[in-house]
C-alpha atoms as a PDB file:
ATOM      1  CA  MET A   1     114.135 130.958 124.435  1.00  0.00           C
ATOM      2  CA  LYS A   2     111.549 133.269 122.853  1.00  0.00           C
ATOM      3  CA  ARG A   3     112.567 132.027 119.393  1.00  0.00           C
ATOM      4  CA  VAL A   4     112.114 128.406 120.449  1.00  0.00           C
ATOM      5  CA  LEU A   5     108.668 129.124 121.907  1.00  0.00           C
ATOM      6  CA  ALA A   6     107.655 131.089 118.815  1.00  0.00           C
ATOM      7  CA  SER A   7     108.835 128.248 116.582  1.00  0.00           C
ATOM      8  CA  VAL A   8     106.934 125.655 118.636  1.00  0.00           C
ATOM      9  CA  CYS A   9     103.774 127.803 118.543  1.00  0.00           C
ATOM     10  CA  LEU A  10     104.022 128.268 114.785  1.00  0.00           C
ATOM     11  CA  THR A  11     104.560 124.547 114.297  1.00  0.00           C
ATOM     12  CA  LEU A  12     101.511 123.709 116.416  1.00  0.00           C
ATOM     13  CA  VAL A  13      99.385 126.213 114.513  1.00  0.00           C
ATOM     14  CA  ALA A  14     100.573 124.808 111.182  1.00  0.00           C
ATOM     15  CA  LEU A  15      99.880 121.249 112.280  1.00  0.00           C
ATOM     16  CA  GLY A  16      96.450 122.233 113.516  1.00  0.00           C
ATOM     17  CA  ALA A  17      95.653 123.999 110.256  1.00  0.00           C
ATOM     18  CA  GLY A  18      96.969 121.069 108.242  1.00  0.00           C
ATOM     19  CA  TYR A  19      94.873 118.637 110.244  1.00  0.00           C
ATOM     20  CA  SER A  20      91.717 120.672 109.693  1.00  0.00           C
ATOM     21  CA  ALA A  21      92.365 121.029 105.990  1.00  0.00           C
ATOM     22  CA  ALA A  22      93.066 117.319 105.605  1.00  0.00           C
ATOM     23  CA  ASP A  23      89.819 116.410 107.359  1.00  0.00           C
ATOM     24  CA  ALA A  24      87.692 118.935 105.517  1.00  0.00           C
ATOM     25  CA  VAL A  25      84.941 117.380 103.446  1.00  0.00           C
ATOM     26  CA  ALA A  26      83.084 119.376 100.822  1.00  0.00           C
ATOM     27  CA  ALA A  27      79.403 119.935 101.565  1.00  0.00           C
ATOM     28  CA  ASP A  28      78.436 118.023  98.406  1.00  0.00           C
ATOM     29  CA  ASN A  29      80.258 114.935  99.721  1.00  0.00           C
ATOM     30  CA  VAL A  30      77.783 114.293 102.553  1.00  0.00           C
ATOM     31  CA  PHE A  31      75.599 111.221 102.066  1.00  0.00           C
ATOM     32  CA  THR A  32      72.704 110.219 104.309  1.00  0.00           C
ATOM     33  CA  VAL A  33      71.431 106.750 105.095  1.00  0.00           C
ATOM     34  CA  THR A  34      68.620 105.958 107.530  1.00  0.00           C
ATOM     35  CA  ILE A  35      67.934 102.905 109.632  1.00  0.00           C
ATOM     36  CA  LYS A  36      64.232 102.100 109.973  1.00  0.00           C
ATOM     37  CA  ASP A  37      62.678  98.776 110.901  1.00  0.00           C
ATOM     38  CA  HIS A  38      66.247  97.426 111.128  1.00  0.00           C
ATOM     39  CA  ARG A  39      66.972  98.154 107.451  1.00  0.00           C
ATOM     40  CA  PHE A  40      69.200 100.695 105.712  1.00  0.00           C
ATOM     41  CA  GLU A  41      67.521 103.096 103.294  1.00  0.00           C
ATOM     42  CA  PRO A  42      68.861 103.436 100.693  1.00  0.00           C
ATOM     43  CA  SER A  43      70.641 100.105 100.782  1.00  0.00           C
ATOM     44  CA  GLN A  44      73.054 101.242  98.052  1.00  0.00           C
ATOM     45  CA  ILE A  45      74.776 104.618  98.013  1.00  0.00           C
ATOM     46  CA  ASP A  46      76.803 105.712  94.997  1.00  0.00           C
ATOM     47  CA  VAL A  47      79.740 107.893  96.049  1.00  0.00           C
ATOM     48  CA  PRO A  48      82.633 109.505  94.185  1.00  0.00           C
ATOM     49  CA  ALA A  49      85.879 107.546  94.151  1.00  0.00           C
ATOM     50  CA  GLY A  50      89.015 109.346  95.251  1.00  0.00           C
ATOM     51  CA  LYS A  51      87.271 111.832  97.552  1.00  0.00           C
ATOM     52  CA  LYS A  52      86.795 111.999 101.276  1.00  0.00           C
ATOM     53  CA  LEU A  53      83.146 111.878 102.318  1.00  0.00           C
ATOM     54  CA  ARG A  54      80.855 111.997 105.307  1.00  0.00           C
ATOM     55  CA  LEU A  55      78.225 109.338 105.827  1.00  0.00           C
ATOM     56  CA  LEU A  56      75.416 110.639 108.034  1.00  0.00           C
ATOM     57  CA  VAL A  57      73.648 107.641 109.584  1.00  0.00           C
ATOM     58  CA  LYS A  58      70.237 108.416 111.097  1.00  0.00           C
ATOM     59  CA  ASN A  59      68.711 105.736 113.295  1.00  0.00           C
ATOM     60  CA  LEU A  60      64.921 106.171 113.213  1.00  0.00           C
ATOM     61  CA  ASP A  61      64.377 103.037 115.296  1.00  0.00           C
ATOM     62  CA  PRO A  62      63.944 103.355 119.083  1.00  0.00           C
ATOM     63  CA  THR A  63      66.722 100.802 119.687  1.00  0.00           C
ATOM     64  CA  PRO A  64      70.472 101.261 119.114  1.00  0.00           C
ATOM     65  CA  GLU A  65      72.237  99.847 116.082  1.00  0.00           C
ATOM     66  CA  GLU A  66      75.911  99.387 115.314  1.00  0.00           C
ATOM     67  CA  PHE A  67      77.052 100.486 111.867  1.00  0.00           C
ATOM     68  CA  GLU A  68      79.841  98.077 110.960  1.00  0.00           C
ATOM     69  CA  SER A  69      81.938  97.660 107.841  1.00  0.00           C
ATOM     70  CA  HIS A  70      84.981  95.446 107.612  1.00  0.00           C
ATOM     71  CA  ASP A  71      85.520  96.768 104.068  1.00  0.00           C
ATOM     72  CA  LEU A  72      85.635 100.377 105.310  1.00  0.00           C
ATOM     73  CA  LYS A  73      87.272  99.516 108.647  1.00  0.00           C
ATOM     74  CA  ARG A  74      84.574 101.452 110.528  1.00  0.00           C
ATOM     75  CA  GLU A  75      82.169 100.707 113.327  1.00  0.00           C
ATOM     76  CA  LYS A  76      79.969 103.066 115.279  1.00  0.00           C
ATOM     77  CA  ILE A  77      77.085 102.555 117.687  1.00  0.00           C
ATOM     78  CA  ILE A  78      74.160 104.818 116.884  1.00  0.00           C
ATOM     79  CA  ALA A  79      71.646 105.365 119.673  1.00  0.00           C
ATOM     80  CA  GLY A  80      67.958 104.797 119.076  1.00  0.00           C
ATOM     81  CA  ASN A  81      66.444 107.917 117.483  1.00  0.00           C
ATOM     82  CA  GLY A  82      70.003 109.259 117.143  1.00  0.00           C
ATOM     83  CA  GLN A  83      72.517 109.897 114.422  1.00  0.00           C
ATOM     84  CA  ALA A  84      76.244 109.780 113.780  1.00  0.00           C
ATOM     85  CA  THR A  85      78.615 111.043 111.116  1.00  0.00           C
ATOM     86  CA  ILE A  86      81.264 108.682 109.820  1.00  0.00           C
ATOM     87  CA  ILE A  87      84.235 110.045 107.848  1.00  0.00           C
ATOM     88  CA  ILE A  88      85.210 107.739 104.996  1.00  0.00           C
ATOM     89  CA  GLY A  89      87.768 107.687 102.219  1.00  0.00           C
ATOM     90  CA  PRO A  90      89.092 108.592  99.878  1.00  0.00           C
ATOM     91  CA  LEU A  91      87.961 105.292  98.361  1.00  0.00           C
ATOM     92  CA  LYS A  92      89.227 103.404  95.348  1.00  0.00           C
ATOM     93  CA  PRO A  93      86.522 102.415  92.842  1.00  0.00           C
ATOM     94  CA  GLY A  94      84.638  99.400  94.126  1.00  0.00           C
ATOM     95  CA  THR A  95      81.878  98.129  96.393  1.00  0.00           C
ATOM     96  CA  TYR A  96      82.129  98.444 100.173  1.00  0.00           C
ATOM     97  CA  LYS A  97      79.600  96.512 102.248  1.00  0.00           C
ATOM     98  CA  PHE A  98      78.218  97.539 105.636  1.00  0.00           C
ATOM     99  CA  VAL A  99      75.732  96.035 108.101  1.00  0.00           C
ATOM    100  CA  GLY A 100      73.823  96.850 111.225  1.00  0.00           C
ATOM    101  CA  GLU A 101      75.570  94.399 113.511  1.00  0.00           C
ATOM    102  CA  TYR A 102      72.624  94.041 115.900  1.00  0.00           C
ATOM    103  CA  HIS A 103      70.279  93.043 113.036  1.00  0.00           C
ATOM    104  CA  GLU A 104      72.727  91.733 110.474  1.00  0.00           C
ATOM    105  CA  SER A 105      70.179  89.577 108.633  1.00  0.00           C
ATOM    106  CA  SER A 106      68.065  92.596 107.651  1.00  0.00           C
ATOM    107  CA  ALA A 107      70.294  95.683 108.034  1.00  0.00           C
ATOM    108  CA  GLN A 108      72.615  95.431 105.033  1.00  0.00           C
ATOM    109  CA  GLY A 109      73.929  98.003 102.611  1.00  0.00           C
ATOM    110  CA  GLN A 110      76.816  99.045 100.427  1.00  0.00           C
ATOM    111  CA  LEU A 111      78.705 102.056  99.193  1.00  0.00           C
ATOM    112  CA  VAL A 112      79.657 101.947  95.520  1.00  0.00           C
ATOM    113  CA  ALA A 113      82.593 104.218  94.703  1.00  0.00           C
ATOM    114  CA  LYS A 114      82.718 105.240  91.039  1.00  0.00           C
END
């Protein structure tokens, strides 16, 4: 019984360590975009292809906005004067569009993976 418990514990630890390592993103792969006056700044972000990255979205407007990207398969509501981190990738080379769903006519941007 002790061997079974020890084996289960080791497996859980290994899975936990593997999960953390797989989700780790290098500090230089953090990109920031702001929302102000219902627009993304910058509207284009060049990112490395083939690497996992974090997109830090800062909403400087007092109203909430929803970051949405069908290309990236991500959506996240960001509170007014709040921020959120979105894990993305690794991406193949290409252009990936995103919008602020609540102000889609003005809040538009894209990630370009090179």
